[in-house]
Every structure is written in C-alpha cells, then in structure tokens.
PDB file of N, CA and C in Angstrom:
ATOM      1  N   MET A   1      36.535  41.721 108.208  1.00  0.00           N
ATOM      2  CA  MET A   1      35.770  40.534 107.901  1.00  0.00           C
ATOM      3  C   MET A   1      34.411  40.604 108.585  1.00  0.00           C
ATOM      4  N   GLN A   2      33.368  40.222 107.848  1.00  0.00           N
ATOM      5  CA  GLN A   2      32.024  40.269 108.409  1.00  0.00           C
ATOM      6  C   GLN A   2      31.727  39.054 109.262  1.00  0.00           C
ATOM      7  N   ASN A   3      30.871  39.280 110.243  1.00  0.00           N
ATOM      8  CA  ASN A   3      30.394  38.201 111.078  1.00  0.00           C
ATOM      9  C   ASN A   3      29.452  37.332 110.250  1.00  0.00           C
ATOM     10  N   ILE A   4      29.571  36.035 110.369  1.00  0.00           N
ATOM     11  CA  ILE A   4      28.750  35.107 109.582  1.00  0.00           C
ATOM     12  C   ILE A   4      27.268  35.233 109.918  1.00  0.00           C
ATOM     13  N   ASN A   5      26.929  35.793 111.065  1.00  0.00           N
ATOM     14  CA  ASN A   5      25.532  35.953 111.462  1.00  0.00           C
ATOM     15  C   ASN A   5      24.911  37.245 110.928  1.00  0.00           C
ATOM     16  N   ASP A   6      25.726  38.144 110.415  1.00  0.00           N
ATOM     17  CA  ASP A   6      25.211  39.392 109.848  1.00  0.00           C
ATOM     18  C   ASP A   6      24.624  39.133 108.467  1.00  0.00           C
ATOM     19  N   THR A   7      23.591  39.878 108.165  1.00  0.00           N
ATOM     20  CA  THR A   7      22.989  39.779 106.842  1.00  0.00           C
ATOM     21  C   THR A   7      23.685  40.747 105.904  1.00  0.00           C
ATOM     22  N   MET A   8      24.109  40.237 104.771  1.00  0.00           N
ATOM     23  CA  MET A   8      24.777  41.074 103.788  1.00  0.00           C
ATOM     24  C   MET A   8      23.705  41.698 102.900  1.00  0.00           C
ATOM     25  N   LYS A   9      23.850  42.972 102.615  1.00  0.00           N
ATOM     26  CA  LYS A   9      22.903  43.669 101.749  1.00  0.00           C
ATOM     27  C   LYS A   9      23.461  43.703 100.333  1.00  0.00           C
ATOM     28  N   TYR A  10      22.619  43.317  99.389  1.00  0.00           N
ATOM     29  CA  TYR A  10      23.016  43.293  97.993  1.00  0.00           C
ATOM     30  C   TYR A  10      22.429  44.505  97.298  1.00  0.00           C
ATOM     31  N   SER A  11      23.266  45.268  96.619  1.00  0.00           N
ATOM     32  CA  SER A  11      22.806  46.453  95.908  1.00  0.00           C
ATOM     33  C   SER A  11      23.135  46.311  94.434  1.00  0.00           C
ATOM     34  N   ARG A  12      22.142  46.557  93.572  1.00  0.00           N
ATOM     35  CA  ARG A  12      22.350  46.441  92.135  1.00  0.00           C
ATOM     36  C   ARG A  12      22.448  47.807  91.468  1.00  0.00           C
ATOM     37  N   ARG A  13      22.576  48.863  92.233  1.00  0.00           N
ATOM     38  CA  ARG A  13      22.605  50.211  91.677  1.00  0.00           C
ATOM     39  C   ARG A  13      23.723  50.376  90.654  1.00  0.00           C
ATOM     40  N   GLU A  14      24.936  49.954  90.971  1.00  0.00           N
ATOM     41  CA  GLU A  14      26.048  50.050  90.027  1.00  0.00           C
ATOM     42  C   GLU A  14      25.785  49.192  88.803  1.00  0.00           C
ATOM     43  N   GLU A  15      25.206  48.033  89.024  1.00  0.00           N
ATOM     44  CA  GLU A  15      24.912  47.112  87.949  1.00  0.00           C
ATOM     45  C   GLU A  15      23.933  47.739  86.950  1.00  0.00           C
ATOM     46  N   ASN A  16      22.931  48.479  87.452  1.00  0.00           N
ATOM     47  CA  ASN A  16      21.952  49.104  86.572  1.00  0.00           C
ATOM     48  C   ASN A  16      22.607  50.099  85.634  1.00  0.00           C
ATOM     49  N   THR A  17      23.573  50.852  86.132  1.00  0.00           N
ATOM     50  CA  THR A  17      24.299  51.782  85.280  1.00  0.00           C
ATOM     51  C   THR A  17      25.052  51.010  84.211  1.00  0.00           C
ATOM     52  N   GLU A  18      25.643  49.888  84.587  1.00  0.00           N
ATOM     53  CA  GLU A  18      26.355  49.063  83.622  1.00  0.00           C
ATOM     54  C   GLU A  18      25.389  48.501  82.574  1.00  0.00           C
ATOM     55  N   ILE A  19      24.212  48.077  82.999  1.00  0.00           N
ATOM     56  CA  ILE A  19      23.227  47.540  82.065  1.00  0.00           C
ATOM     57  C   ILE A  19      22.812  48.610  81.064  1.00  0.00           C
ATOM     58  N   LYS A  20      22.564  49.801  81.540  1.00  0.00           N
ATOM     59  CA  LYS A  20      22.192  50.904  80.641  1.00  0.00           C
ATOM     60  C   LYS A  20      23.304  51.177  79.638  1.00  0.00           C
ATOM     61  N   ASP A  21      24.525  51.215  80.113  1.00  0.00           N
ATOM     62  CA  ASP A  21      25.667  51.458  79.224  1.00  0.00           C
ATOM     63  C   ASP A  21      25.793  50.360  78.173  1.00  0.00           C
ATOM     64  N   ILE A  22      25.606  49.117  78.594  1.00  0.00           N
ATOM     65  CA  ILE A  22      25.692  47.993  77.666  1.00  0.00           C
ATOM     66  C   ILE A  22      24.587  48.089  76.616  1.00  0.00           C
ATOM     67  N   LEU A  23      23.364  48.382  77.050  1.00  0.00           N
ATOM     68  CA  LEU A  23      22.254  48.505  76.099  1.00  0.00           C
ATOM     69  C   LEU A  23      22.505  49.613  75.080  1.00  0.00           C
ATOM     70  N   ILE A  24      23.043  50.721  75.533  1.00  0.00           N
ATOM     71  CA  ILE A  24      23.340  51.832  74.621  1.00  0.00           C
ATOM     72  C   ILE A  24      24.408  51.428  73.623  1.00  0.00           C
ATOM     73  N   GLN A  25      25.461  50.769  74.088  1.00  0.00           N
ATOM     74  CA  GLN A  25      26.534  50.344  73.191  1.00  0.00           C
ATOM     75  C   GLN A  25      26.034  49.320  72.176  1.00  0.00           C
ATOM     76  N   VAL A  26      25.221  48.382  72.634  1.00  0.00           N
ATOM     77  CA  VAL A  26      24.668  47.365  71.732  1.00  0.00           C
ATOM     78  C   VAL A  26      23.726  48.017  70.728  1.00  0.00           C
ATOM     79  N   PHE A  27      22.867  48.902  71.192  1.00  0.00           N
ATOM     80  CA  PHE A  27      21.943  49.627  70.325  1.00  0.00           C
ATOM     81  C   PHE A  27      22.714  50.362  69.233  1.00  0.00           C
ATOM     82  N   ASN A  28      23.750  51.080  69.624  1.00  0.00           N
ATOM     83  CA  ASN A  28      24.548  51.840  68.654  1.00  0.00           C
ATOM     84  C   ASN A  28      25.247  50.931  67.642  1.00  0.00           C
ATOM     85  N   ALA A  29      25.782  49.818  68.110  1.00  0.00           N
ATOM     86  CA  ALA A  29      26.458  48.875  67.204  1.00  0.00           C
ATOM     87  C   ALA A  29      25.475  48.306  66.193  1.00  0.00           C
ATOM     88  N   LEU A  30      24.288  47.934  66.647  1.00  0.00           N
ATOM     89  CA  LEU A  30      23.273  47.406  65.738  1.00  0.00           C
ATOM     90  C   LEU A  30      22.856  48.452  64.713  1.00  0.00           C
ATOM     91  N   GLN A  31      22.664  49.663  65.177  1.00  0.00           N
ATOM     92  CA  GLN A  31      22.261  50.749  64.284  1.00  0.00           C
ATOM     93  C   GLN A  31      23.344  51.042  63.245  1.00  0.00           C
ATOM     94  N   GLU A  32      24.596  51.061  63.680  1.00  0.00           N
ATOM     95  CA  GLU A  32      25.707  51.318  62.758  1.00  0.00           C
ATOM     96  C   GLU A  32      25.817  50.250  61.686  1.00  0.00           C
ATOM     97  N   LYS A  33      25.444  49.020  62.016  1.00  0.00           N
ATOM     98  CA  LYS A  33      25.506  47.931  61.039  1.00  0.00           C
ATOM     99  C   LYS A  33      24.245  47.848  60.178  1.00  0.00           C
ATOM    100  N   GLY A  34      23.278  48.741  60.415  1.00  0.00           N
ATOM    101  CA  GLY A  34      22.090  48.805  59.572  1.00  0.00           C
ATOM    102  C   GLY A  34      20.919  47.953  60.032  1.00  0.00           C
ATOM    103  N   TYR A  35      20.986  47.427  61.239  1.00  0.00           N
ATOM    104  CA  TYR A  35      19.893  46.635  61.785  1.00  0.00           C
ATOM    105  C   TYR A  35      18.903  47.538  62.515  1.00  0.00           C
ATOM    106  N   ASP A  36      17.696  47.038  62.722  1.00  0.00           N
ATOM    107  CA  ASP A  36      16.729  47.721  63.582  1.00  0.00           C
ATOM    108  C   ASP A  36      17.050  47.285  65.014  1.00  0.00           C
ATOM    109  N   PRO A  37      17.669  48.156  65.800  1.00  0.00           N
ATOM    110  CA  PRO A  37      18.146  47.762  67.132  1.00  0.00           C
ATOM    111  C   PRO A  37      17.043  47.245  68.053  1.00  0.00           C
ATOM    112  N   VAL A  38      15.871  47.857  67.997  1.00  0.00           N
ATOM    113  CA  VAL A  38      14.784  47.427  68.878  1.00  0.00           C
ATOM    114  C   VAL A  38      14.370  45.997  68.546  1.00  0.00           C
ATOM    115  N   ASN A  39      14.150  45.713  67.277  1.00  0.00           N
ATOM    116  CA  ASN A  39      13.753  44.353  66.876  1.00  0.00           C
ATOM    117  C   ASN A  39      14.818  43.329  67.239  1.00  0.00           C
ATOM    118  N   GLN A  40      16.069  43.662  67.039  1.00  0.00           N
ATOM    119  CA  GLN A  40      17.150  42.717  67.323  1.00  0.00           C
ATOM    120  C   GLN A  40      17.278  42.441  68.820  1.00  0.00           C
ATOM    121  N   ILE A  41      17.173  43.483  69.631  1.00  0.00           N
ATOM    122  CA  ILE A  41      17.280  43.315  71.085  1.00  0.00           C
ATOM    123  C   ILE A  41      16.090  42.524  71.616  1.00  0.00           C
ATOM    124  N   VAL A  42      14.895  42.814  71.100  1.00  0.00           N
ATOM    125  CA  VAL A  42      13.706  42.049  71.501  1.00  0.00           C
ATOM    126  C   VAL A  42      13.882  40.579  71.112  1.00  0.00           C
ATOM    127  N   GLY A  43      14.362  40.323  69.915  1.00  0.00           N
ATOM    128  CA  GLY A  43      14.604  38.948  69.479  1.00  0.00           C
ATOM    129  C   GLY A  43      15.565  38.232  70.404  1.00  0.00           C
ATOM    130  N   TYR A  44      16.608  38.925  70.816  1.00  0.00           N
ATOM    131  CA  TYR A  44      17.575  38.327  71.738  1.00  0.00           C
ATOM    132  C   TYR A  44      16.942  38.040  73.095  1.00  0.00           C
ATOM    133  N   ILE A  45      16.191  38.990  73.635  1.00  0.00           N
ATOM    134  CA  ILE A  45      15.584  38.806  74.951  1.00  0.00           C
ATOM    135  C   ILE A  45      14.589  37.648  74.930  1.00  0.00           C
ATOM    136  N   LEU A  46      13.781  37.567  73.879  1.00  0.00           N
ATOM    137  CA  LEU A  46      12.768  36.510  73.812  1.00  0.00           C
ATOM    138  C   LEU A  46      13.363  35.123  73.586  1.00  0.00           C
ATOM    139  N   SER A  47      14.378  35.045  72.751  1.00  0.00           N
ATOM    140  CA  SER A  47      14.902  33.737  72.360  1.00  0.00           C
ATOM    141  C   SER A  47      16.148  33.303  73.119  1.00  0.00           C
ATOM    142  N   GLY A  48      16.946  34.274  73.553  1.00  0.00           N
ATOM    143  CA  GLY A  48      18.226  33.950  74.171  1.00  0.00           C
ATOM    144  C   GLY A  48      19.310  33.665  73.154  1.00  0.00           C
ATOM    145  N   ASP A  49      18.975  33.790  71.878  1.00  0.00           N
ATOM    146  CA  ASP A  49      19.923  33.504  70.801  1.00  0.00           C
ATOM    147  C   ASP A  49      20.822  34.723  70.572  1.00  0.00           C
ATOM    148  N   PRO A  50      22.106  34.615  70.892  1.00  0.00           N
ATOM    149  CA  PRO A  50      23.006  35.764  70.772  1.00  0.00           C
ATOM    150  C   PRO A  50      23.258  36.210  69.330  1.00  0.00           C
ATOM    151  N   THR A  51      22.861  35.385  68.348  1.00  0.00           N
ATOM    152  CA  THR A  51      23.097  35.793  66.963  1.00  0.00           C
ATOM    153  C   THR A  51      22.177  36.932  66.530  1.00  0.00           C
ATOM    154  N   TYR A  52      21.201  37.279  67.356  1.00  0.00           N
ATOM    155  CA  TYR A  52      20.404  38.477  67.083  1.00  0.00           C
ATOM    156  C   TYR A  52      21.237  39.748  67.254  1.00  0.00           C
ATOM    157  N   ILE A  53      22.342  39.635  67.962  1.00  0.00           N
ATOM    158  CA  ILE A  53      23.198  40.783  68.254  1.00  0.00           C
ATOM    159  C   ILE A  53      24.480  40.666  67.447  1.00  0.00           C
ATOM    160  N   THR A  54      24.832  41.745  66.793  1.00  0.00           N
ATOM    161  CA  THR A  54      26.043  41.768  65.977  1.00  0.00           C
ATOM    162  C   THR A  54      27.297  41.628  66.844  1.00  0.00           C
ATOM    163  N   GLY A  55      28.327  41.092  66.253  1.00  0.00           N
ATOM    164  CA  GLY A  55      29.615  41.014  66.922  1.00  0.00           C
ATOM    165  C   GLY A  55      30.397  42.320  66.796  1.00  0.00           C
ATOM    166  N   TYR A  56      29.888  43.221  65.974  1.00  0.00           N
ATOM    167  CA  TYR A  56      30.538  44.514  65.740  1.00  0.00           C
ATOM    168  C   TYR A  56      30.701  45.274  67.053  1.00  0.00           C
ATOM    169  N   ASN A  57      31.871  45.852  67.249  1.00  0.00           N
ATOM    170  CA  ASN A  57      32.211  46.597  68.473  1.00  0.00           C
ATOM    171  C   ASN A  57      31.995  45.773  69.746  1.00  0.00           C
ATOM    172  N   ASN A  58      32.145  44.452  69.632  1.00  0.00           N
ATOM    173  CA  ASN A  58      32.049  43.558  70.787  1.00  0.00           C
ATOM    174  C   ASN A  58      30.648  43.529  71.407  1.00  0.00           C
ATOM    175  N   ALA A  59      29.633  43.939  70.636  1.00  0.00           N
ATOM    176  CA  ALA A  59      28.270  44.053  71.165  1.00  0.00           C
ATOM    177  C   ALA A  59      27.735  42.717  71.668  1.00  0.00           C
ATOM    178  N   ARG A  60      27.980  41.646  70.938  1.00  0.00           N
ATOM    179  CA  ARG A  60      27.455  40.332  71.335  1.00  0.00           C
ATOM    180  C   ARG A  60      28.041  39.898  72.679  1.00  0.00           C
ATOM    181  N   ASN A  61      29.325  40.094  72.864  1.00  0.00           N
ATOM    182  CA  ASN A  61      29.947  39.722  74.144  1.00  0.00           C
ATOM    183  C   ASN A  61      29.461  40.607  75.280  1.00  0.00           C
ATOM    184  N   LEU A  62      29.230  41.882  74.982  1.00  0.00           N
ATOM    185  CA  LEU A  62      28.746  42.801  76.022  1.00  0.00           C
ATOM    186  C   LEU A  62      27.376  42.391  76.530  1.00  0.00           C
ATOM    187  N   ILE A  63      26.449  42.137  75.608  1.00  0.00           N
ATOM    188  CA  ILE A  63      25.075  41.846  76.038  1.00  0.00           C
ATOM    189  C   ILE A  63      24.992  40.509  76.765  1.00  0.00           C
ATOM    190  N   ARG A  64      25.892  39.600  76.475  1.00  0.00           N
ATOM    191  CA  ARG A  64      25.874  38.295  77.144  1.00  0.00           C
ATOM    192  C   ARG A  64      26.379  38.381  78.581  1.00  0.00           C
ATOM    193  N   ARG A  65      26.928  39.511  78.982  1.00  0.00           N
ATOM    194  CA  ARG A  65      27.358  39.716  80.370  1.00  0.00           C
ATOM    195  C   ARG A  65      26.179  39.883  81.322  1.00  0.00           C
ATOM    196  N   VAL A  66      25.018  40.221  80.752  1.00  0.00           N
ATOM    197  CA  VAL A  66      23.841  40.546  81.562  1.00  0.00           C
ATOM    198  C   VAL A  66      22.761  39.489  81.335  1.00  0.00           C
ATOM    199  N   ASP A  67      22.156  39.021  82.410  1.00  0.00           N
ATOM    200  CA  ASP A  67      21.035  38.081  82.273  1.00  0.00           C
ATOM    201  C   ASP A  67      19.909  38.756  81.520  1.00  0.00           C
ATOM    202  N   ARG A  68      19.216  37.986  80.709  1.00  0.00           N
ATOM    203  CA  ARG A  68      18.093  38.539  79.950  1.00  0.00           C
ATOM    204  C   ARG A  68      17.008  39.067  80.872  1.00  0.00           C
ATOM    205  N   ASP A  69      16.809  38.428  82.029  1.00  0.00           N
ATOM    206  CA  ASP A  69      15.824  38.917  83.000  1.00  0.00           C
ATOM    207  C   ASP A  69      16.188  40.312  83.486  1.00  0.00           C
ATOM    208  N   GLU A  70      17.471  40.537  83.716  1.00  0.00           N
ATOM    209  CA  GLU A  70      17.924  41.851  84.175  1.00  0.00           C
ATOM    210  C   GLU A  70      17.769  42.896  83.075  1.00  0.00           C
ATOM    211  N   LEU A  71      18.010  42.502  81.839  1.00  0.00           N
ATOM    212  CA  LEU A  71      17.794  43.424  80.719  1.00  0.00           C
ATOM    213  C   LEU A  71      16.332  43.844  80.661  1.00  0.00           C
ATOM    214  N   LEU A  72      15.452  42.872  80.750  1.00  0.00           N
ATOM    215  CA  LEU A  72      14.026  43.153  80.696  1.00  0.00           C
ATOM    216  C   LEU A  72      13.585  44.024  81.869  1.00  0.00           C
ATOM    217  N   GLU A  73      14.098  43.717  83.052  1.00  0.00           N
ATOM    218  CA  GLU A  73      13.777  44.509  84.240  1.00  0.00           C
ATOM    219  C   GLU A  73      14.205  45.959  84.052  1.00  0.00           C
ATOM    220  N   GLU A  74      15.395  46.173  83.544  1.00  0.00           N
ATOM    221  CA  GLU A  74      15.904  47.526  83.340  1.00  0.00           C
ATOM    222  C   GLU A  74      15.078  48.275  82.294  1.00  0.00           C
ATOM    223  N   LEU A  75      14.691  47.596  81.232  1.00  0.00           N
ATOM    224  CA  LEU A  75      13.883  48.226  80.200  1.00  0.00           C
ATOM    225  C   LEU A  75      12.508  48.630  80.729  1.00  0.00           C
ATOM    226  N   VAL A  76      11.887  47.769  81.519  1.00  0.00           N
ATOM    227  CA  VAL A  76      10.576  48.088  82.083  1.00  0.00           C
ATOM    228  C   VAL A  76      10.682  49.261  83.051  1.00  0.00           C
ATOM    229  N   LYS A  77      11.683  49.241  83.915  1.00  0.00           N
ATOM    230  CA  LYS A  77      11.881  50.347  84.856  1.00  0.00           C
ATOM    231  C   LYS A  77      12.071  51.666  84.122  1.00  0.00           C
ATOM    232  N   SER A  78      12.875  51.644  83.094  1.00  0.00           N
ATOM    233  CA  SER A  78      13.136  52.855  82.316  1.00  0.00           C
ATOM    234  C   SER A  78      11.870  53.345  81.630  1.00  0.00           C
ATOM    235  N   TYR A  79      11.103  52.420  81.074  1.00  0.00           N
ATOM    236  CA  TYR A  79       9.865  52.780  80.399  1.00  0.00           C
ATOM    237  C   TYR A  79       8.887  53.438  81.378  1.00  0.00           C
ATOM    238  N   ILE A  80       8.710  52.812  82.531  1.00  0.00           N
ATOM    239  CA  ILE A  80       7.780  53.346  83.541  1.00  0.00           C
ATOM    240  C   ILE A  80       8.253  54.716  84.023  1.00  0.00           C
ATOM    241  N   ALA A  81       9.527  54.859  84.270  1.00  0.00           N
ATOM    242  CA  ALA A  81      10.066  56.135  84.734  1.00  0.00           C
ATOM    243  C   ALA A  81       9.838  57.244  83.707  1.00  0.00           C
ATOM    244  N   ASN A  82       9.907  56.920  82.434  1.00  0.00           N
ATOM    245  CA  ASN A  82       9.713  57.925  81.383  1.00  0.00           C
ATOM    246  C   ASN A  82       8.241  58.237  81.152  1.00  0.00           C
ATOM    247  N   CYS A  83       7.343  57.364  81.603  1.00  0.00           N
ATOM    248  CA  CYS A  83       5.909  57.590  81.425  1.00  0.00           C
ATOM    249  C   CYS A  83       5.332  58.474  82.515  1.00  0.00           C
ATOM    250  N   GLU A  84       6.011  58.559  83.622  1.00  0.00           N
ATOM    251  CA  GLU A  84       5.486  59.336  84.755  1.00  0.00           C
ATOM    252  C   GLU A  84       5.694  60.810  84.584  1.00  0.00           C
TER     253      GLU A  84
END
C-alpha cells in the first residue's frame, strides 16, 4: 500500500498502444463497409456523434472507450513523428 503523502505517477504509455489498436480496428471496419475512414473518424472527433462510426466489428463501441481529446492527441503525435 502506498503512503498517502507519496505522489503517484500516471503513465499513459499502455493506453497509447490501445488507442492505436482501436483506431486501426475502427479504420478497417469503416473501410470494409465501404466508408471513407478518414472522413468518418474526423466527423466523429469533431462532433462526438458515434453514428459516424459503423457498428460493424464492434467499431462504434471500441472508439467510444477513448476520449475524443485522446484520439486527437494520438493522431497529432503520430503525424508529427512521421514528419520528422
């Protein structure tokens, strides 16, 4: 048990891997159903409306596990990392 006076460190490293996996699964589900995955994911991030994401392969439930802010953060980090 930790001492109440100690500061707990929060690490999101495992979470980032989960976010990437979720985005890939959602992207693939959208593509398989004939949607433009990029447009649909952007629509979801901007609006918060889960109907932008198909229910196929549980994609809608998967993406709702992650805050939209975290999705956006992960996408920006990935974009910057690929530009360097």
